[in-house]
Amino acid sequence: MEMDEKELKALISLLDDEDKGILTMITEKITSLGPRVIPYLEAEWEHNFNPQVQARIENITHVLQFEAVKNRLEEWYKGEKNDLLEGMWIIATYQYPDLELKDLKQEMEQIYYEAWLNFKSDMHPHDQVKTLNGVFFWNLKFSPNLNNFHSPANSFINRVLESRKGNPISLCVIYLLIAEKLKLPVYGVNLPNLFVLTYKSDQVPQFYINVYNKGLVFTREDIENYIHELKLTPRDSFFQPCGSKDIIRRVLRNLVIAFEKVSEREKVDEVSSLLKIVSDDSDLFNV
């Protein structure tokens, strides 16, 4: 039998109890009710000026919000569509639980529209990329976050859209989403220590785009030289497109490293558990 609003409020008001056993029982009961209780917790937090009670409310709210992120991610991973923007939104809701997917879609639509105004479908592929580069880097001012390369913000798409700065994979994701809407055959490529894009179609020889370096176009031979310098054995995944699941895994892996850099141990553990939800046997590389 579900609790009504009055009963929920009464239950939450008991969080000021100092008996540890009772407090544990109340906390477990509230948590078991799921995300629907969050608005009531937030209302109590605003009206209760006891710092200890506020801290308890914050902890319960975080547990509920994190559970919601895990459920969303698992549903996304098991689904057939694996929409990339939705996957990035789910990751962002870990840090920004109130972020709405529709707001991200609206912002991406505005970016796409600006690119579309400057775009002609009958251009040569290299000119298409050159045009998109112009919009992305010069008109919209996207750039690499060189000063804070390992900042966790670089992995949250809402923050990257806001600051116009990101790491290789977050910039590639936004660029890729625009290219897809422009009907370009552009895909992500998992390179060691660097994420890039590839333009792959029957019309022209396959080439690659380094979004982290202002959209620089390069060739398979350049990748071969890069792999040789790293003293690694070439593998097909270094040259061919990867899917949305691969991209989301890599973003989460980067986020684990970012939180390690700032010694956020609890967040390292939580994001690691998110990574496990989408993990397979593939060996991915960072950043």
C-alpha atoms as a PDB file:
ATOM      1  CA  MET A   1       0.000   0.000   0.000  1.00  0.00           C
ATOM      2  CA  GLU A   2       1.457   3.334  -1.137  1.00  0.00           C
ATOM      3  CA  MET A   3       1.955   6.165   1.313  1.00  0.00           C
ATOM      4  CA  ASP A   4      -0.025   9.332   0.757  1.00  0.00           C
ATOM      5  CA  GLU A   5       1.543  12.789   0.883  1.00  0.00           C
ATOM      6  CA  LYS A   6       0.739  13.317   4.557  1.00  0.00           C
ATOM      7  CA  GLU A   7       2.333  10.003   5.556  1.00  0.00           C
ATOM      8  CA  LEU A   8       5.451  10.717   3.459  1.00  0.00           C
ATOM      9  CA  LYS A   9       5.951  14.090   5.102  1.00  0.00           C
ATOM     10  CA  ALA A  10       5.486  12.543   8.535  1.00  0.00           C
ATOM     11  CA  LEU A  11       8.036   9.830   7.775  1.00  0.00           C
ATOM     12  CA  ILE A  12      10.624  12.335   6.514  1.00  0.00           C
ATOM     13  CA  SER A  13      10.115  14.530   9.589  1.00  0.00           C
ATOM     14  CA  LEU A  14      11.419  11.630  11.713  1.00  0.00           C
ATOM     15  CA  LEU A  15      14.924  12.074  10.274  1.00  0.00           C
ATOM     16  CA  ASP A  16      15.776  14.200  13.287  1.00  0.00           C
ATOM     17  CA  ASP A  17      15.625  11.126  15.560  1.00  0.00           C
ATOM     18  CA  GLU A  18      18.915  10.562  17.396  1.00  0.00           C
ATOM     19  CA  ASP A  19      18.405   6.820  17.966  1.00  0.00           C
ATOM     20  CA  LYS A  20      20.720   5.145  15.411  1.00  0.00           C
ATOM     21  CA  GLY A  21      18.555   2.053  15.091  1.00  0.00           C
ATOM     22  CA  ILE A  22      15.388   4.038  14.454  1.00  0.00           C
ATOM     23  CA  LEU A  23      17.229   6.425  12.115  1.00  0.00           C
ATOM     24  CA  THR A  24      18.558   3.479  10.073  1.00  0.00           C
ATOM     25  CA  MET A  25      15.061   1.993   9.822  1.00  0.00           C
ATOM     26  CA  ILE A  26      13.550   5.324   8.715  1.00  0.00           C
ATOM     27  CA  THR A  27      16.324   5.916   6.174  1.00  0.00           C
ATOM     28  CA  GLU A  28      15.855   2.441   4.678  1.00  0.00           C
ATOM     29  CA  LYS A  29      12.085   2.932   4.486  1.00  0.00           C
ATOM     30  CA  ILE A  30      12.415   6.300   2.721  1.00  0.00           C
ATOM     31  CA  THR A  31      15.030   4.924   0.310  1.00  0.00           C
ATOM     32  CA  SER A  32      12.813   1.943  -0.535  1.00  0.00           C
ATOM     33  CA  LEU A  33      10.103   4.304  -1.780  1.00  0.00           C
ATOM     34  CA  GLY A  34      12.270   5.389  -4.711  1.00  0.00           C
ATOM     35  CA  PRO A  35      12.760   8.694  -6.571  1.00  0.00           C
ATOM     36  CA  ARG A  36       9.141   9.841  -6.079  1.00  0.00           C
ATOM     37  CA  VAL A  37      10.030  10.950  -2.539  1.00  0.00           C
ATOM     38  CA  ILE A  38      12.777  13.347  -3.690  1.00  0.00           C
ATOM     39  CA  PRO A  39      10.486  16.429  -3.951  1.00  0.00           C
ATOM     40  CA  TYR A  40       9.338  15.823  -0.353  1.00  0.00           C
ATOM     41  CA  LEU A  41      12.934  15.449   0.818  1.00  0.00           C
ATOM     42  CA  GLU A  42      13.869  18.698  -0.922  1.00  0.00           C
ATOM     43  CA  ALA A  43      10.917  20.503   0.657  1.00  0.00           C
ATOM     44  CA  GLU A  44      11.939  19.275   4.129  1.00  0.00           C
ATOM     45  CA  TRP A  45      15.563  20.320   3.469  1.00  0.00           C
ATOM     46  CA  GLU A  46      14.423  23.874   2.682  1.00  0.00           C
ATOM     47  CA  HIS A  47      12.346  24.193   5.836  1.00  0.00           C
ATOM     48  CA  ASN A  48      14.502  22.292   8.292  1.00  0.00           C
ATOM     49  CA  PHE A  49      17.456  24.346   9.533  1.00  0.00           C
ATOM     50  CA  ASN A  50      19.127  21.521  11.433  1.00  0.00           C
ATOM     51  CA  PRO A  51      22.456  20.926   9.592  1.00  0.00           C
ATOM     52  CA  GLN A  52      22.520  17.287  10.686  1.00  0.00           C
ATOM     53  CA  VAL A  53      19.053  16.623   9.284  1.00  0.00           C
ATOM     54  CA  GLN A  54      19.927  18.485   6.087  1.00  0.00           C
ATOM     55  CA  ALA A  55      23.006  16.275   5.662  1.00  0.00           C
ATOM     56  CA  ARG A  56      20.880  13.153   6.147  1.00  0.00           C
ATOM     57  CA  ILE A  57      18.408  14.386   3.537  1.00  0.00           C
ATOM     58  CA  GLU A  58      21.239  15.141   1.108  1.00  0.00           C
ATOM     59  CA  ASN A  59      22.652  11.631   1.540  1.00  0.00           C
ATOM     60  CA  ILE A  60      19.286   9.939   0.977  1.00  0.00           C
ATOM     61  CA  THR A  61      18.554  12.147  -2.031  1.00  0.00           C
ATOM     62  CA  HIS A  62      21.916  11.295  -3.568  1.00  0.00           C
ATOM     63  CA  VAL A  63      21.320   7.556  -3.066  1.00  0.00           C
ATOM     64  CA  LEU A  64      17.942   7.832  -4.805  1.00  0.00           C
ATOM     65  CA  GLN A  65      19.278   9.966  -7.648  1.00  0.00           C
ATOM     66  CA  PHE A  66      22.233   7.650  -8.200  1.00  0.00           C
ATOM     67  CA  GLU A  67      19.906   4.656  -8.313  1.00  0.00           C
ATOM     68  CA  ALA A  68      17.888   6.467 -10.981  1.00  0.00           C
ATOM     69  CA  VAL A  69      21.065   7.060 -13.033  1.00  0.00           C
ATOM     70  CA  LYS A  70      22.000   3.375 -12.798  1.00  0.00           C
ATOM     71  CA  ASN A  71      18.525   2.293 -13.884  1.00  0.00           C
ATOM     72  CA  ARG A  72      18.508   4.706 -16.825  1.00  0.00           C
ATOM     73  CA  LEU A  73      21.953   3.606 -17.956  1.00  0.00           C
ATOM     74  CA  GLU A  74      21.070  -0.078 -17.741  1.00  0.00           C
ATOM     75  CA  GLU A  75      17.886   0.508 -19.722  1.00  0.00           C
ATOM     76  CA  TRP A  76      19.821   2.508 -22.327  1.00  0.00           C
ATOM     77  CA  TYR A  77      22.507  -0.176 -22.627  1.00  0.00           C
ATOM     78  CA  LYS A  78      19.996  -3.019 -23.046  1.00  0.00           C
ATOM     79  CA  GLY A  79      17.869  -1.057 -25.502  1.00  0.00           C
ATOM     80  CA  GLU A  80      18.122  -1.278 -29.268  1.00  0.00           C
ATOM     81  CA  LYS A  81      18.508   2.412 -30.101  1.00  0.00           C
ATOM     82  CA  ASN A  82      21.496   3.412 -27.904  1.00  0.00           C
ATOM     83  CA  ASP A  83      21.021   7.078 -28.801  1.00  0.00           C
ATOM     84  CA  LEU A  84      24.352   8.802 -28.168  1.00  0.00           C
ATOM     85  CA  LEU A  85      22.944  12.109 -26.909  1.00  0.00           C
ATOM     86  CA  GLU A  86      20.694  10.255 -24.481  1.00  0.00           C
ATOM     87  CA  GLY A  87      23.687   8.261 -23.221  1.00  0.00           C
ATOM     88  CA  MET A  88      25.645  11.479 -22.648  1.00  0.00           C
ATOM     89  CA  TRP A  89      22.638  12.985 -20.871  1.00  0.00           C
ATOM     90  CA  ILE A  90      22.434   9.997 -18.517  1.00  0.00           C
ATOM     91  CA  ILE A  91      26.103  10.453 -17.591  1.00  0.00           C
ATOM     92  CA  ALA A  92      25.546  14.183 -17.010  1.00  0.00           C
ATOM     93  CA  THR A  93      22.604  13.492 -14.673  1.00  0.00           C
ATOM     94  CA  TYR A  94      25.032  11.809 -12.296  1.00  0.00           C
ATOM     95  CA  GLN A  95      26.379  15.276 -11.415  1.00  0.00           C
ATOM     96  CA  TYR A  96      23.384  17.339 -12.561  1.00  0.00           C
ATOM     97  CA  PRO A  97      20.243  15.345 -11.647  1.00  0.00           C
ATOM     98  CA  ASP A  98      17.849  18.107 -12.701  1.00  0.00           C
ATOM     99  CA  LEU A  99      19.223  18.286 -16.248  1.00  0.00           C
ATOM    100  CA  GLU A 100      16.505  17.653 -18.845  1.00  0.00           C
ATOM    101  CA  LEU A 101      17.167  15.713 -22.055  1.00  0.00           C
ATOM    102  CA  LYS A 102      14.846  18.032 -23.967  1.00  0.00           C
ATOM    103  CA  ASP A 103      17.052  21.018 -23.057  1.00  0.00           C
ATOM    104  CA  LEU A 104      20.131  19.264 -24.459  1.00  0.00           C
ATOM    105  CA  LYS A 105      18.225  18.369 -27.621  1.00  0.00           C
ATOM    106  CA  GLN A 106      17.137  21.978 -28.028  1.00  0.00           C
ATOM    107  CA  GLU A 107      20.697  23.246 -27.652  1.00  0.00           C
ATOM    108  CA  MET A 108      22.024  20.669 -30.133  1.00  0.00           C
ATOM    109  CA  GLU A 109      19.273  21.674 -32.557  1.00  0.00           C
ATOM    110  CA  GLN A 110      20.443  25.303 -32.418  1.00  0.00           C
ATOM    111  CA  ILE A 111      24.043  24.248 -33.114  1.00  0.00           C
ATOM    112  CA  TYR A 112      22.895  22.057 -35.994  1.00  0.00           C
ATOM    113  CA  TYR A 113      20.873  24.932 -37.467  1.00  0.00           C
ATOM    114  CA  GLU A 114      23.919  27.198 -37.496  1.00  0.00           C
ATOM    115  CA  ALA A 115      25.925  24.474 -39.255  1.00  0.00           C
ATOM    116  CA  TRP A 116      23.086  23.811 -41.718  1.00  0.00           C
ATOM    117  CA  LEU A 117      22.964  27.492 -42.752  1.00  0.00           C
ATOM    118  CA  ASN A 118      26.583  27.238 -43.946  1.00  0.00           C
ATOM    119  CA  PHE A 119      26.335  23.764 -45.427  1.00  0.00           C
ATOM    120  CA  LYS A 120      25.764  22.410 -48.941  1.00  0.00           C
ATOM    121  CA  SER A 121      25.157  18.696 -49.424  1.00  0.00           C
ATOM    122  CA  ASP A 122      26.816  18.669 -52.879  1.00  0.00           C
ATOM    123  CA  MET A 123      30.200  19.787 -51.489  1.00  0.00           C
ATOM    124  CA  HIS A 124      33.215  17.507 -51.711  1.00  0.00           C
ATOM    125  CA  PRO A 125      33.616  15.610 -48.391  1.00  0.00           C
ATOM    126  CA  HIS A 126      36.790  17.527 -47.522  1.00  0.00           C
ATOM    127  CA  ASP A 127      34.941  20.804 -48.105  1.00  0.00           C
ATOM    128  CA  GLN A 128      32.039  19.564 -45.980  1.00  0.00           C
ATOM    129  CA  VAL A 129      34.431  18.952 -43.102  1.00  0.00           C
ATOM    130  CA  LYS A 130      36.143  22.289 -43.692  1.00  0.00           C
ATOM    131  CA  THR A 131      32.772  24.049 -43.525  1.00  0.00           C
ATOM    132  CA  LEU A 132      31.754  22.214 -40.372  1.00  0.00           C
ATOM    133  CA  ASN A 133      35.129  23.050 -38.824  1.00  0.00           C
ATOM    134  CA  GLY A 134      34.527  26.718 -39.538  1.00  0.00           C
ATOM    135  CA  VAL A 135      31.162  26.697 -37.794  1.00  0.00           C
ATOM    136  CA  PHE A 136      32.304  24.531 -34.881  1.00  0.00           C
ATOM    137  CA  PHE A 137      35.600  26.228 -34.051  1.00  0.00           C
ATOM    138  CA  TRP A 138      35.244  29.792 -35.318  1.00  0.00           C
ATOM    139  CA  ASN A 139      31.527  30.606 -35.188  1.00  0.00           C
ATOM    140  CA  LEU A 140      30.626  28.575 -32.096  1.00  0.00           C
ATOM    141  CA  LYS A 141      34.067  28.885 -30.440  1.00  0.00           C
ATOM    142  CA  PHE A 142      34.501  25.263 -29.354  1.00  0.00           C
ATOM    143  CA  SER A 143      38.063  24.524 -28.264  1.00  0.00           C
ATOM    144  CA  PRO A 144      40.143  22.033 -26.247  1.00  0.00           C
ATOM    145  CA  ASN A 145      40.236  22.556 -22.492  1.00  0.00           C
ATOM    146  CA  LEU A 146      44.022  22.724 -22.276  1.00  0.00           C
ATOM    147  CA  ASN A 147      44.141  24.441 -18.888  1.00  0.00           C
ATOM    148  CA  ASN A 148      41.927  21.868 -17.148  1.00  0.00           C
ATOM    149  CA  PHE A 149      42.413  18.777 -19.279  1.00  0.00           C
ATOM    150  CA  HIS A 150      41.488  16.314 -16.507  1.00  0.00           C
ATOM    151  CA  SER A 151      38.553  18.279 -15.101  1.00  0.00           C
ATOM    152  CA  PRO A 152      35.437  16.120 -14.567  1.00  0.00           C
ATOM    153  CA  ALA A 153      33.440  18.881 -16.297  1.00  0.00           C
ATOM    154  CA  ASN A 154      34.971  17.799 -19.607  1.00  0.00           C
ATOM    155  CA  SER A 155      32.911  14.603 -19.461  1.00  0.00           C
ATOM    156  CA  PHE A 156      29.543  16.272 -18.855  1.00  0.00           C
ATOM    157  CA  ILE A 157      28.020  17.355 -22.156  1.00  0.00           C
ATOM    158  CA  ASN A 158      25.962  20.170 -20.592  1.00  0.00           C
ATOM    159  CA  ARG A 159      29.120  21.737 -19.163  1.00  0.00           C
ATOM    160  CA  VAL A 160      30.966  21.398 -22.468  1.00  0.00           C
ATOM    161  CA  LEU A 161      28.069  23.029 -24.321  1.00  0.00           C
ATOM    162  CA  GLU A 162      28.058  25.817 -21.748  1.00  0.00           C
ATOM    163  CA  SER A 163      31.814  26.492 -21.611  1.00  0.00           C
ATOM    164  CA  ARG A 164      32.561  25.520 -25.242  1.00  0.00           C
ATOM    165  CA  LYS A 165      35.607  23.640 -23.886  1.00  0.00           C
ATOM    166  CA  GLY A 166      36.121  19.910 -23.566  1.00  0.00           C
ATOM    167  CA  ASN A 167      38.398  16.915 -23.910  1.00  0.00           C
ATOM    168  CA  PRO A 168      38.889  14.956 -27.165  1.00  0.00           C
ATOM    169  CA  ILE A 169      35.896  12.661 -26.771  1.00  0.00           C
ATOM    170  CA  SER A 170      33.375  15.246 -25.562  1.00  0.00           C
ATOM    171  CA  LEU A 171      34.237  17.606 -28.418  1.00  0.00           C
ATOM    172  CA  CYS A 172      34.069  14.672 -30.841  1.00  0.00           C
ATOM    173  CA  VAL A 173      30.638  13.684 -29.547  1.00  0.00           C
ATOM    174  CA  ILE A 174      29.150  17.136 -30.177  1.00  0.00           C
ATOM    175  CA  TYR A 175      30.846  17.377 -33.585  1.00  0.00           C
ATOM    176  CA  LEU A 176      29.651  13.861 -34.446  1.00  0.00           C
ATOM    177  CA  LEU A 177      26.046  14.581 -33.451  1.00  0.00           C
ATOM    178  CA  ILE A 178      26.019  17.653 -35.707  1.00  0.00           C
ATOM    179  CA  ALA A 179      27.594  15.686 -38.584  1.00  0.00           C
ATOM    180  CA  GLU A 180      24.978  12.951 -38.212  1.00  0.00           C
ATOM    181  CA  LYS A 181      22.140  15.469 -38.465  1.00  0.00           C
ATOM    182  CA  LEU A 182      23.797  16.845 -41.596  1.00  0.00           C
ATOM    183  CA  LYS A 183      23.671  13.258 -42.978  1.00  0.00           C
ATOM    184  CA  LEU A 184      27.472  12.940 -43.076  1.00  0.00           C
ATOM    185  CA  PRO A 185      29.027   9.449 -42.772  1.00  0.00           C
ATOM    186  CA  VAL A 186      31.107  10.454 -39.751  1.00  0.00           C
ATOM    187  CA  TYR A 187      31.845   8.045 -36.894  1.00  0.00           C
ATOM    188  CA  GLY A 188      33.936   7.807 -33.729  1.00  0.00           C
ATOM    189  CA  VAL A 189      37.290   5.975 -33.639  1.00  0.00           C
ATOM    190  CA  ASN A 190      38.925   4.626 -30.481  1.00  0.00           C
ATOM    191  CA  LEU A 191      42.618   5.473 -30.602  1.00  0.00           C
ATOM    192  CA  PRO A 192      44.968   4.976 -27.641  1.00  0.00           C
ATOM    193  CA  ASN A 193      45.070   8.223 -25.591  1.00  0.00           C
ATOM    194  CA  LEU A 194      43.080  10.097 -28.216  1.00  0.00           C
ATOM    195  CA  PHE A 195      39.552   9.909 -29.566  1.00  0.00           C
ATOM    196  CA  VAL A 196      39.058  10.969 -33.194  1.00  0.00           C
ATOM    197  CA  LEU A 197      36.440  10.774 -35.948  1.00  0.00           C
ATOM    198  CA  THR A 198      36.468   9.167 -39.353  1.00  0.00           C
ATOM    199  CA  TYR A 199      34.684  10.046 -42.590  1.00  0.00           C
ATOM    200  CA  LYS A 200      33.853   6.725 -44.221  1.00  0.00           C
ATOM    201  CA  SER A 201      31.886   6.390 -47.447  1.00  0.00           C
ATOM    202  CA  ASP A 202      32.145   4.775 -50.884  1.00  0.00           C
ATOM    203  CA  GLN A 203      32.660   8.151 -52.558  1.00  0.00           C
ATOM    204  CA  VAL A 204      36.124   8.989 -51.205  1.00  0.00           C
ATOM    205  CA  PRO A 205      39.017   7.183 -49.504  1.00  0.00           C
ATOM    206  CA  GLN A 206      38.448   6.982 -45.746  1.00  0.00           C
ATOM    207  CA  PHE A 207      40.009   9.845 -43.815  1.00  0.00           C
ATOM    208  CA  TYR A 208      40.111  10.987 -40.191  1.00  0.00           C
ATOM    209  CA  ILE A 209      39.317  14.169 -38.248  1.00  0.00           C
ATOM    210  CA  ASN A 210      41.127  15.293 -35.090  1.00  0.00           C
ATOM    211  CA  VAL A 211      38.495  17.464 -33.431  1.00  0.00           C
ATOM    212  CA  TYR A 212      40.855  18.198 -30.536  1.00  0.00           C
ATOM    213  CA  ASN A 213      43.179  19.871 -33.062  1.00  0.00           C
ATOM    214  CA  LYS A 214      40.723  22.204 -34.800  1.00  0.00           C
ATOM    215  CA  GLY A 215      39.334  19.464 -37.071  1.00  0.00           C
ATOM    216  CA  LEU A 216      42.682  18.563 -38.641  1.00  0.00           C
ATOM    217  CA  VAL A 217      42.212  15.991 -41.427  1.00  0.00           C
ATOM    218  CA  PHE A 218      44.677  13.092 -41.507  1.00  0.00           C
ATOM    219  CA  THR A 219      45.132   9.640 -43.051  1.00  0.00           C
ATOM    220  CA  ARG A 220      45.429   5.985 -42.109  1.00  0.00           C
ATOM    221  CA  GLU A 221      49.183   6.284 -42.556  1.00  0.00           C
ATOM    222  CA  ASP A 222      49.257   8.989 -39.886  1.00  0.00           C
ATOM    223  CA  ILE A 223      47.504   6.613 -37.480  1.00  0.00           C
ATOM    224  CA  GLU A 224      49.952   3.839 -38.344  1.00  0.00           C
ATOM    225  CA  ASN A 225      52.858   6.177 -37.532  1.00  0.00           C
ATOM    226  CA  TYR A 226      51.155   7.221 -34.292  1.00  0.00           C
ATOM    227  CA  ILE A 227      50.674   3.599 -33.228  1.00  0.00           C
ATOM    228  CA  HIS A 228      54.279   2.831 -34.137  1.00  0.00           C
ATOM    229  CA  GLU A 229      55.523   5.724 -31.964  1.00  0.00           C
ATOM    230  CA  LEU A 230      53.508   4.350 -29.043  1.00  0.00           C
ATOM    231  CA  LYS A 231      55.095   0.937 -29.655  1.00  0.00           C
ATOM    232  CA  LEU A 232      51.683  -0.730 -29.842  1.00  0.00           C
ATOM    233  CA  THR A 233      50.460  -3.529 -32.072  1.00  0.00           C
ATOM    234  CA  PRO A 234      47.963  -2.189 -34.647  1.00  0.00           C
ATOM    235  CA  ARG A 235      44.398  -3.434 -34.282  1.00  0.00           C
ATOM    236  CA  ASP A 236      41.323  -2.925 -36.421  1.00  0.00           C
ATOM    237  CA  SER A 237      39.605  -0.765 -33.791  1.00  0.00           C
ATOM    238  CA  PHE A 238      42.303   1.901 -34.235  1.00  0.00           C
ATOM    239  CA  PHE A 239      41.089   2.514 -37.787  1.00  0.00           C
ATOM    240  CA  GLN A 240      37.398   1.617 -37.955  1.00  0.00           C
ATOM    241  CA  PRO A 241      34.207   3.196 -36.557  1.00  0.00           C
ATOM    242  CA  CYS A 242      33.031   2.413 -33.052  1.00  0.00           C
ATOM    243  CA  GLY A 243      29.483   2.489 -31.718  1.00  0.00           C
ATOM    244  CA  SER A 244      27.631   4.537 -29.113  1.00  0.00           C
ATOM    245  CA  LYS A 245      28.226   1.931 -26.412  1.00  0.00           C
ATOM    246  CA  ASP A 246      31.991   2.185 -26.985  1.00  0.00           C
ATOM    247  CA  ILE A 247      31.816   5.963 -26.709  1.00  0.00           C
ATOM    248  CA  ILE A 248      29.784   5.908 -23.483  1.00  0.00           C
ATOM    249  CA  ARG A 249      32.185   3.380 -21.952  1.00  0.00           C
ATOM    250  CA  ARG A 250      35.117   5.593 -22.794  1.00  0.00           C
ATOM    251  CA  VAL A 251      33.466   8.733 -21.402  1.00  0.00           C
ATOM    252  CA  LEU A 252      32.817   6.906 -18.133  1.00  0.00           C
ATOM    253  CA  ARG A 253      36.383   5.601 -18.031  1.00  0.00           C
ATOM    254  CA  ASN A 254      37.672   9.148 -18.484  1.00  0.00           C
ATOM    255  CA  LEU A 255      35.355  10.359 -15.733  1.00  0.00           C
ATOM    256  CA  VAL A 256      36.769   7.765 -13.325  1.00  0.00           C
ATOM    257  CA  ILE A 257      40.278   9.074 -14.072  1.00  0.00           C
ATOM    258  CA  ALA A 258      39.120  12.700 -13.698  1.00  0.00           C
ATOM    259  CA  PHE A 259      37.672  12.044 -10.233  1.00  0.00           C
ATOM    260  CA  GLU A 260      40.831  10.151  -9.276  1.00  0.00           C
ATOM    261  CA  LYS A 261      42.875  13.229 -10.197  1.00  0.00           C
ATOM    262  CA  VAL A 262      40.875  15.381  -7.786  1.00  0.00           C
ATOM    263  CA  SER A 263      40.794  12.658  -5.085  1.00  0.00           C
ATOM    264  CA  GLU A 264      37.010  12.236  -5.124  1.00  0.00           C
ATOM    265  CA  ARG A 265      37.125   8.619  -3.924  1.00  0.00           C
ATOM    266  CA  GLU A 266      33.391   8.159  -3.462  1.00  0.00           C
ATOM    267  CA  LYS A 267      32.698   9.431  -6.966  1.00  0.00           C
ATOM    268  CA  VAL A 268      35.435   7.194  -8.389  1.00  0.00           C
ATOM    269  CA  ASP A 269      33.633   4.204  -6.883  1.00  0.00           C
ATOM    270  CA  GLU A 270      30.208   5.312  -8.067  1.00  0.00           C
ATOM    271  CA  VAL A 271      31.267   6.037 -11.649  1.00  0.00           C
ATOM    272  CA  SER A 272      33.204   2.751 -11.688  1.00  0.00           C
ATOM    273  CA  SER A 273      29.931   0.999 -10.856  1.00  0.00           C
ATOM    274  CA  LEU A 274      28.288   2.826 -13.781  1.00  0.00           C
ATOM    275  CA  LEU A 275      31.104   1.648 -16.020  1.00  0.00           C
ATOM    276  CA  LYS A 276      30.457  -1.949 -14.977  1.00  0.00           C
ATOM    277  CA  ILE A 277      26.864  -1.654 -16.215  1.00  0.00           C
ATOM    278  CA  VAL A 278      28.065  -0.971 -19.771  1.00  0.00           C
ATOM    279  CA  SER A 279      31.273  -2.987 -19.722  1.00  0.00           C
ATOM    280  CA  ASP A 280      32.204  -5.841 -22.008  1.00  0.00           C
ATOM    281  CA  ASP A 281      35.512  -7.572 -22.751  1.00  0.00           C
ATOM    282  CA  SER A 282      36.826  -4.768 -24.984  1.00  0.00           C
ATOM    283  CA  ASP A 283      40.039  -2.995 -24.042  1.00  0.00           C
ATOM    284  CA  LEU A 284      39.427   0.741 -24.233  1.00  0.00           C
ATOM    285  CA  PHE A 285      41.899   3.568 -23.995  1.00  0.00           C
ATOM    286  CA  ASN A 286      41.591   6.750 -21.999  1.00  0.00           C
ATOM    287  CA  VAL A 287      40.878  10.291 -23.127  1.00  0.00           C
END
